[in-house]
Amino acid sequence: MAEFDNTNRGVLFKNDNKKEDKHPDYQGKINVDGVDKQISLWIKTSNKDGKKFFSASISEPYVKKEEQVKQVVNSVIEEDDLPF
């Protein structure tokens, strides 16, 4: 069976952890030209005519602080030019 190509595709899920207005209403993952990104979507209401619309943001995937530290430590350990 052929592997499914997710290039330029994504998925959104309702954000059940929304606690503030600035938090997105929906979040998910999207692949843009072969690069995985995070997508956030807000449902907004126009001040002009009261119509609803979507506002979206695409960013680098969220990485927990602990994972960031692990990535940095691992990259330092893998360096070939360590002095010892």
PDB file of N, CA and C in Angstrom:
ATOM      1  N   MET A   1       0.845  -1.182   0.000  1.00  0.00           N
ATOM      2  CA  MET A   1       0.000   0.000   0.000  1.00  0.00           C
ATOM      3  C   MET A   1       0.887   1.241   0.000  1.00  0.00           C
ATOM      4  N   ALA A   2       0.544   2.220  -0.797  1.00  0.00           N
ATOM      5  CA  ALA A   2       1.334   3.443  -0.899  1.00  0.00           C
ATOM      6  C   ALA A   2       1.143   4.311   0.337  1.00  0.00           C
ATOM      7  N   GLU A   3       2.223   5.000   0.719  1.00  0.00           N
ATOM      8  CA  GLU A   3       2.166   5.893   1.872  1.00  0.00           C
ATOM      9  C   GLU A   3       1.452   7.184   1.482  1.00  0.00           C
ATOM     10  N   PHE A   4       0.599   7.691   2.371  1.00  0.00           N
ATOM     11  CA  PHE A   4      -0.166   8.914   2.102  1.00  0.00           C
ATOM     12  C   PHE A   4       0.752  10.134   2.176  1.00  0.00           C
ATOM     13  N   ASP A   5       0.632  11.033   1.229  1.00  0.00           N
ATOM     14  CA  ASP A   5       1.446  12.245   1.182  1.00  0.00           C
ATOM     15  C   ASP A   5       0.700  13.386   1.883  1.00  0.00           C
ATOM     16  N   ASN A   6       1.229  13.852   3.014  1.00  0.00           N
ATOM     17  CA  ASN A   6       0.606  14.938   3.773  1.00  0.00           C
ATOM     18  C   ASN A   6       1.131  16.319   3.385  1.00  0.00           C
ATOM     19  N   THR A   7       1.922  16.408   2.335  1.00  0.00           N
ATOM     20  CA  THR A   7       2.466  17.698   1.925  1.00  0.00           C
ATOM     21  C   THR A   7       1.336  18.670   1.601  1.00  0.00           C
ATOM     22  N   ASN A   8       1.432  19.866   2.164  1.00  0.00           N
ATOM     23  CA  ASN A   8       0.451  20.941   1.969  1.00  0.00           C
ATOM     24  C   ASN A   8      -0.950  20.564   2.447  1.00  0.00           C
ATOM     25  N   ARG A   9      -0.989  19.812   3.529  1.00  0.00           N
ATOM     26  CA  ARG A   9      -2.254  19.437   4.156  1.00  0.00           C
ATOM     27  C   ARG A   9      -2.144  19.680   5.656  1.00  0.00           C
ATOM     28  N   GLY A  10      -3.286  19.776   6.312  1.00  0.00           N
ATOM     29  CA  GLY A  10      -3.265  20.001   7.749  1.00  0.00           C
ATOM     30  C   GLY A  10      -4.547  19.563   8.410  1.00  0.00           C
ATOM     31  N   VAL A  11      -4.576  19.739   9.734  1.00  0.00           N
ATOM     32  CA  VAL A  11      -5.734  19.342  10.520  1.00  0.00           C
ATOM     33  C   VAL A  11      -5.892  20.328  11.678  1.00  0.00           C
ATOM     34  N   LEU A  12      -7.132  20.626  12.037  1.00  0.00           N
ATOM     35  CA  LEU A  12      -7.441  21.519  13.158  1.00  0.00           C
ATOM     36  C   LEU A  12      -8.356  20.796  14.140  1.00  0.00           C
ATOM     37  N   PHE A  13      -8.140  21.072  15.425  1.00  0.00           N
ATOM     38  CA  PHE A  13      -8.980  20.526  16.479  1.00  0.00           C
ATOM     39  C   PHE A  13      -9.418  21.659  17.401  1.00  0.00           C
ATOM     40  N   LYS A  14     -10.616  21.545  17.957  1.00  0.00           N
ATOM     41  CA  LYS A  14     -11.102  22.543  18.901  1.00  0.00           C
ATOM     42  C   LYS A  14     -10.163  22.587  20.103  1.00  0.00           C
ATOM     43  N   ASN A  15      -9.816  23.791  20.547  1.00  0.00           N
ATOM     44  CA  ASN A  15      -8.918  23.985  21.685  1.00  0.00           C
ATOM     45  C   ASN A  15      -9.732  23.909  22.976  1.00  0.00           C
ATOM     46  N   ASP A  16      -9.726  22.752  23.609  1.00  0.00           N
ATOM     47  CA  ASP A  16     -10.466  22.562  24.854  1.00  0.00           C
ATOM     48  C   ASP A  16      -9.761  23.188  26.053  1.00  0.00           C
ATOM     49  N   ASN A  17      -8.531  23.660  25.858  1.00  0.00           N
ATOM     50  CA  ASN A  17      -7.760  24.288  26.941  1.00  0.00           C
ATOM     51  C   ASN A  17      -7.784  25.809  26.882  1.00  0.00           C
ATOM     52  N   LYS A  18      -8.653  26.395  26.058  1.00  0.00           N
ATOM     53  CA  LYS A  18      -8.723  27.850  25.933  1.00  0.00           C
ATOM     54  C   LYS A  18      -9.187  28.459  27.254  1.00  0.00           C
ATOM     55  N   LYS A  19      -8.342  29.351  27.812  1.00  0.00           N
ATOM     56  CA  LYS A  19      -8.668  29.996  29.083  1.00  0.00           C
ATOM     57  C   LYS A  19      -8.761  31.511  28.959  1.00  0.00           C
ATOM     58  N   GLU A  20      -8.190  32.068  27.883  1.00  0.00           N
ATOM     59  CA  GLU A  20      -8.212  33.509  27.653  1.00  0.00           C
ATOM     60  C   GLU A  20      -8.608  33.782  26.208  1.00  0.00           C
ATOM     61  N   ASP A  21      -9.104  34.991  25.944  1.00  0.00           N
ATOM     62  CA  ASP A  21      -9.501  35.355  24.583  1.00  0.00           C
ATOM     63  C   ASP A  21      -8.344  35.272  23.592  1.00  0.00           C
ATOM     64  N   LYS A  22      -7.127  35.513  24.079  1.00  0.00           N
ATOM     65  CA  LYS A  22      -5.983  35.495  23.158  1.00  0.00           C
ATOM     66  C   LYS A  22      -5.588  34.070  22.750  1.00  0.00           C
ATOM     67  N   HIS A  23      -6.066  33.061  23.488  1.00  0.00           N
ATOM     68  CA  HIS A  23      -5.796  31.682  23.117  1.00  0.00           C
ATOM     69  C   HIS A  23      -6.638  31.321  21.888  1.00  0.00           C
ATOM     70  N   PRO A  24      -6.083  30.520  20.977  1.00  0.00           N
ATOM     71  CA  PRO A  24      -6.836  30.168  19.768  1.00  0.00           C
ATOM     72  C   PRO A  24      -8.047  29.290  20.059  1.00  0.00           C
ATOM     73  N   ASP A  25      -9.065  29.406  19.197  1.00  0.00           N
ATOM     74  CA  ASP A  25     -10.259  28.574  19.303  1.00  0.00           C
ATOM     75  C   ASP A  25      -9.987  27.161  18.768  1.00  0.00           C
ATOM     76  N   TYR A  26      -9.109  27.079  17.773  1.00  0.00           N
ATOM     77  CA  TYR A  26      -8.729  25.803  17.176  1.00  0.00           C
ATOM     78  C   TYR A  26      -7.220  25.774  16.996  1.00  0.00           C
ATOM     79  N   GLN A  27      -6.635  24.577  17.109  1.00  0.00           N
ATOM     80  CA  GLN A  27      -5.196  24.401  16.913  1.00  0.00           C
ATOM     81  C   GLN A  27      -4.958  23.114  16.147  1.00  0.00           C
ATOM     82  N   GLY A  28      -3.815  23.039  15.489  1.00  0.00           N
ATOM     83  CA  GLY A  28      -3.497  21.812  14.784  1.00  0.00           C
ATOM     84  C   GLY A  28      -2.134  21.878  14.142  1.00  0.00           C
ATOM     85  N   LYS A  29      -1.933  20.959  13.220  1.00  0.00           N
ATOM     86  CA  LYS A  29      -0.674  20.865  12.500  1.00  0.00           C
ATOM     87  C   LYS A  29      -0.957  21.017  11.017  1.00  0.00           C
ATOM     88  N   ILE A  30       0.011  21.594  10.311  1.00  0.00           N
ATOM     89  CA  ILE A  30      -0.102  21.772   8.874  1.00  0.00           C
ATOM     90  C   ILE A  30       1.279  21.559   8.270  1.00  0.00           C
ATOM     91  N   ASN A  31       1.315  21.010   7.084  1.00  0.00           N
ATOM     92  CA  ASN A  31       2.568  20.821   6.375  1.00  0.00           C
ATOM     93  C   ASN A  31       2.593  21.826   5.233  1.00  0.00           C
ATOM     94  N   VAL A  32       3.628  22.660   5.192  1.00  0.00           N
ATOM     95  CA  VAL A  32       3.772  23.679   4.162  1.00  0.00           C
ATOM     96  C   VAL A  32       5.041  23.378   3.376  1.00  0.00           C
ATOM     97  N   ASP A  33       4.885  22.980   2.129  1.00  0.00           N
ATOM     98  CA  ASP A  33       6.024  22.641   1.262  1.00  0.00           C
ATOM     99  C   ASP A  33       6.975  21.648   1.910  1.00  0.00           C
ATOM    100  N   GLY A  34       6.430  20.649   2.607  1.00  0.00           N
ATOM    101  CA  GLY A  34       7.239  19.601   3.209  1.00  0.00           C
ATOM    102  C   GLY A  34       7.744  19.900   4.610  1.00  0.00           C
ATOM    103  N   VAL A  35       7.400  21.069   5.159  1.00  0.00           N
ATOM    104  CA  VAL A  35       7.856  21.462   6.494  1.00  0.00           C
ATOM    105  C   VAL A  35       6.652  21.488   7.439  1.00  0.00           C
ATOM    106  N   ASP A  36       6.742  20.756   8.549  1.00  0.00           N
ATOM    107  CA  ASP A  36       5.648  20.732   9.527  1.00  0.00           C
ATOM    108  C   ASP A  36       5.606  22.025  10.323  1.00  0.00           C
ATOM    109  N   LYS A  37       4.407  22.576  10.467  1.00  0.00           N
ATOM    110  CA  LYS A  37       4.177  23.820  11.205  1.00  0.00           C
ATOM    111  C   LYS A  37       2.986  23.640  12.128  1.00  0.00           C
ATOM    112  N   GLN A  38       2.803  24.604  13.010  1.00  0.00           N
ATOM    113  CA  GLN A  38       1.632  24.643  13.891  1.00  0.00           C
ATOM    114  C   GLN A  38       0.682  25.688  13.329  1.00  0.00           C
ATOM    115  N   ILE A  39      -0.617  25.388  13.354  1.00  0.00           N
ATOM    116  CA  ILE A  39      -1.609  26.358  12.895  1.00  0.00           C
ATOM    117  C   ILE A  39      -2.585  26.639  14.034  1.00  0.00           C
ATOM    118  N   SER A  40      -2.902  27.916  14.207  1.00  0.00           N
ATOM    119  CA  SER A  40      -3.862  28.357  15.223  1.00  0.00           C
ATOM    120  C   SER A  40      -4.934  29.180  14.527  1.00  0.00           C
ATOM    121  N   LEU A  41      -6.180  29.037  14.988  1.00  0.00           N
ATOM    122  CA  LEU A  41      -7.293  29.710  14.342  1.00  0.00           C
ATOM    123  C   LEU A  41      -8.210  30.316  15.395  1.00  0.00           C
ATOM    124  N   TRP A  42      -8.606  31.556  15.167  1.00  0.00           N
ATOM    125  CA  TRP A  42      -9.525  32.264  16.057  1.00  0.00           C
ATOM    126  C   TRP A  42     -10.799  32.572  15.285  1.00  0.00           C
ATOM    127  N   ILE A  43     -11.938  32.483  15.954  1.00  0.00           N
ATOM    128  CA  ILE A  43     -13.208  32.922  15.377  1.00  0.00           C
ATOM    129  C   ILE A  43     -13.434  34.339  15.880  1.00  0.00           C
ATOM    130  N   LYS A  44     -13.521  35.280  14.964  1.00  0.00           N
ATOM    131  CA  LYS A  44     -13.661  36.696  15.315  1.00  0.00           C
ATOM    132  C   LYS A  44     -14.973  37.244  14.766  1.00  0.00           C
ATOM    133  N   THR A  45     -15.357  38.405  15.278  1.00  0.00           N
ATOM    134  CA  THR A  45     -16.548  39.102  14.807  1.00  0.00           C
ATOM    135  C   THR A  45     -16.150  40.495  14.350  1.00  0.00           C
ATOM    136  N   SER A  46     -16.550  40.849  13.145  1.00  0.00           N
ATOM    137  CA  SER A  46     -16.222  42.152  12.568  1.00  0.00           C
ATOM    138  C   SER A  46     -16.925  43.266  13.336  1.00  0.00           C
ATOM    139  N   ASN A  47     -16.194  44.319  13.651  1.00  0.00           N
ATOM    140  CA  ASN A  47     -16.787  45.486  14.308  1.00  0.00           C
ATOM    141  C   ASN A  47     -17.679  46.264  13.343  1.00  0.00           C
ATOM    142  N   LYS A  48     -17.378  46.160  12.056  1.00  0.00           N
ATOM    143  CA  LYS A  48     -18.092  46.932  11.039  1.00  0.00           C
ATOM    144  C   LYS A  48     -19.522  46.432  10.814  1.00  0.00           C
ATOM    145  N   ASP A  49     -19.660  45.121  10.562  1.00  0.00           N
ATOM    146  CA  ASP A  49     -20.994  44.607  10.244  1.00  0.00           C
ATOM    147  C   ASP A  49     -21.420  43.409  11.098  1.00  0.00           C
ATOM    148  N   GLY A  50     -20.612  43.041  12.083  1.00  0.00           N
ATOM    149  CA  GLY A  50     -20.970  41.961  12.993  1.00  0.00           C
ATOM    150  C   GLY A  50     -20.839  40.561  12.420  1.00  0.00           C
ATOM    151  N   LYS A  51     -20.285  40.455  11.201  1.00  0.00           N
ATOM    152  CA  LYS A  51     -20.123  39.137  10.587  1.00  0.00           C
ATOM    153  C   LYS A  51     -18.943  38.408  11.214  1.00  0.00           C
ATOM    154  N   LYS A  52     -19.066  37.084  11.289  1.00  0.00           N
ATOM    155  CA  LYS A  52     -17.992  36.255  11.841  1.00  0.00           C
ATOM    156  C   LYS A  52     -17.000  35.915  10.736  1.00  0.00           C
ATOM    157  N   PHE A  53     -15.725  35.775  11.149  1.00  0.00           N
ATOM    158  CA  PHE A  53     -14.680  35.388  10.210  1.00  0.00           C
ATOM    159  C   PHE A  53     -13.589  34.658  10.974  1.00  0.00           C
ATOM    160  N   PHE A  54     -12.678  34.024  10.234  1.00  0.00           N
ATOM    161  CA  PHE A  54     -11.556  33.307  10.825  1.00  0.00           C
ATOM    162  C   PHE A  54     -10.295  34.145  10.713  1.00  0.00           C
ATOM    163  N   SER A  55      -9.483  34.073  11.734  1.00  0.00           N
ATOM    164  CA  SER A  55      -8.144  34.660  11.729  1.00  0.00           C
ATOM    165  C   SER A  55      -7.188  33.513  12.031  1.00  0.00           C
ATOM    166  N   ALA A  56      -6.130  33.379  11.222  1.00  0.00           N
ATOM    167  CA  ALA A  56      -5.233  32.236  11.383  1.00  0.00           C
ATOM    168  C   ALA A  56      -3.787  32.676  11.524  1.00  0.00           C
ATOM    169  N   SER A  57      -3.002  31.806  12.152  1.00  0.00           N
ATOM    170  CA  SER A  57      -1.572  32.038  12.334  1.00  0.00           C
ATOM    171  C   SER A  57      -0.849  30.715  12.126  1.00  0.00           C
ATOM    172  N   ILE A  58       0.252  30.757  11.381  1.00  0.00           N
ATOM    173  CA  ILE A  58       1.089  29.580  11.190  1.00  0.00           C
ATOM    174  C   ILE A  58       2.440  29.883  11.807  1.00  0.00           C
ATOM    175  N   SER A  59       2.939  28.949  12.629  1.00  0.00           N
ATOM    176  CA  SER A  59       4.204  29.172  13.335  1.00  0.00           C
ATOM    177  C   SER A  59       4.984  27.871  13.430  1.00  0.00           C
ATOM    178  N   GLU A  60       6.187  27.983  13.978  1.00  0.00           N
ATOM    179  CA  GLU A  60       6.982  26.786  14.234  1.00  0.00           C
ATOM    180  C   GLU A  60       6.245  25.948  15.274  1.00  0.00           C
ATOM    181  N   PRO A  61       6.371  24.616  15.203  1.00  0.00           N
ATOM    182  CA  PRO A  61       5.685  23.772  16.187  1.00  0.00           C
ATOM    183  C   PRO A  61       6.115  24.102  17.607  1.00  0.00           C
ATOM    184  N   TYR A  62       5.165  24.060  18.533  1.00  0.00           N
ATOM    185  CA  TYR A  62       5.447  24.332  19.940  1.00  0.00           C
ATOM    186  C   TYR A  62       6.311  23.213  20.504  1.00  0.00           C
ATOM    187  N   VAL A  63       7.357  23.607  21.224  1.00  0.00           N
ATOM    188  CA  VAL A  63       8.236  22.641  21.879  1.00  0.00           C
ATOM    189  C   VAL A  63       8.315  23.025  23.350  1.00  0.00           C
ATOM    190  N   LYS A  64       8.026  22.063  24.238  1.00  0.00           N
ATOM    191  CA  LYS A  64       8.090  22.316  25.672  1.00  0.00           C
ATOM    192  C   LYS A  64       9.514  22.706  26.057  1.00  0.00           C
ATOM    193  N   LYS A  65       9.644  23.508  27.105  1.00  0.00           N
ATOM    194  CA  LYS A  65      10.958  23.957  27.579  1.00  0.00           C
ATOM    195  C   LYS A  65      11.893  22.782  27.838  1.00  0.00           C
ATOM    196  N   GLU A  66      11.370  21.710  28.434  1.00  0.00           N
ATOM    197  CA  GLU A  66      12.207  20.538  28.740  1.00  0.00           C
ATOM    198  C   GLU A  66      12.782  19.944  27.461  1.00  0.00           C
ATOM    199  N   GLU A  67      11.960  19.886  26.416  1.00  0.00           N
ATOM    200  CA  GLU A  67      12.413  19.340  25.142  1.00  0.00           C
ATOM    201  C   GLU A  67      13.463  20.248  24.506  1.00  0.00           C
ATOM    202  N   GLN A  68      13.295  21.580  24.663  1.00  0.00           N
ATOM    203  CA  GLN A  68      14.280  22.513  24.121  1.00  0.00           C
ATOM    204  C   GLN A  68      15.633  22.280  24.773  1.00  0.00           C
ATOM    205  N   VAL A  69      15.635  22.093  26.091  1.00  0.00           N
ATOM    206  CA  VAL A  69      16.882  21.853  26.818  1.00  0.00           C
ATOM    207  C   VAL A  69      17.509  20.546  26.344  1.00  0.00           C
ATOM    208  N   LYS A  70      16.709  19.494  26.193  1.00  0.00           N
ATOM    209  CA  LYS A  70      17.225  18.205  25.720  1.00  0.00           C
ATOM    210  C   LYS A  70      17.841  18.340  24.335  1.00  0.00           C
ATOM    211  N   GLN A  71      17.192  19.095  23.455  1.00  0.00           N
ATOM    212  CA  GLN A  71      17.706  19.274  22.097  1.00  0.00           C
ATOM    213  C   GLN A  71      19.051  19.989  22.116  1.00  0.00           C
ATOM    214  N   VAL A  72      19.177  21.023  22.953  1.00  0.00           N
ATOM    215  CA  VAL A  72      20.435  21.762  23.050  1.00  0.00           C
ATOM    216  C   VAL A  72      21.524  20.868  23.616  1.00  0.00           C
ATOM    217  N   VAL A  73      21.231  20.153  24.686  1.00  0.00           N
ATOM    218  CA  VAL A  73      22.214  19.260  25.302  1.00  0.00           C
ATOM    219  C   VAL A  73      22.657  18.197  24.307  1.00  0.00           C
ATOM    220  N   ASN A  74      21.716  17.586  23.615  1.00  0.00           N
ATOM    221  CA  ASN A  74      22.055  16.548  22.639  1.00  0.00           C
ATOM    222  C   ASN A  74      22.894  17.096  21.496  1.00  0.00           C
ATOM    223  N   SER A  75      22.605  18.317  21.055  1.00  0.00           N
ATOM    224  CA  SER A  75      23.401  18.886  19.960  1.00  0.00           C
ATOM    225  C   SER A  75      24.819  19.188  20.426  1.00  0.00           C
ATOM    226  N   VAL A  76      25.002  19.582  21.683  1.00  0.00           N
ATOM    227  CA  VAL A  76      26.340  19.846  22.211  1.00  0.00           C
ATOM    228  C   VAL A  76      27.104  18.532  22.360  1.00  0.00           C
ATOM    229  N   ILE A  77      26.432  17.503  22.837  1.00  0.00           N
ATOM    230  CA  ILE A  77      27.077  16.193  23.036  1.00  0.00           C
ATOM    231  C   ILE A  77      27.519  15.602  21.695  1.00  0.00           C
ATOM    232  N   GLU A  78      26.749  15.849  20.639  1.00  0.00           N
ATOM    233  CA  GLU A  78      27.068  15.279  19.341  1.00  0.00           C
ATOM    234  C   GLU A  78      28.177  16.046  18.599  1.00  0.00           C
ATOM    235  N   GLU A  79      28.603  17.174  19.120  1.00  0.00           N
ATOM    236  CA  GLU A  79      29.656  17.945  18.461  1.00  0.00           C
ATOM    237  C   GLU A  79      30.932  17.119  18.381  1.00  0.00           C
ATOM    238  N   ASP A  80      31.585  17.147  17.242  1.00  0.00           N
ATOM    239  CA  ASP A  80      32.830  16.385  17.053  1.00  0.00           C
ATOM    240  C   ASP A  80      34.044  17.134  17.584  1.00  0.00           C
ATOM    241  N   ASP A  81      33.922  18.424  17.785  1.00  0.00           N
ATOM    242  CA  ASP A  81      35.083  19.217  18.163  1.00  0.00           C
ATOM    243  C   ASP A  81      35.151  19.503  19.667  1.00  0.00           C
ATOM    244  N   LEU A  82      34.688  18.563  20.473  1.00  0.00           N
ATOM    245  CA  LEU A  82      34.784  18.712  21.912  1.00  0.00           C
ATOM    246  C   LEU A  82      36.255  18.632  22.329  1.00  0.00           C
ATOM    247  N   PRO A  83      36.688  19.429  23.302  1.00  0.00           N
ATOM    248  CA  PRO A  83      38.099  19.499  23.655  1.00  0.00           C
ATOM    249  C   PRO A  83      38.599  18.291  24.453  1.00  0.00           C
ATOM    250  N   PHE A  84      37.785  17.329  24.735  1.00  0.00           N
ATOM    251  CA  PHE A  84      38.242  16.178  25.524  1.00  0.00           C
ATOM    252  C   PHE A  84      37.843  14.884  24.878  1.00  0.00           C
TER     253      PHE A  84
END
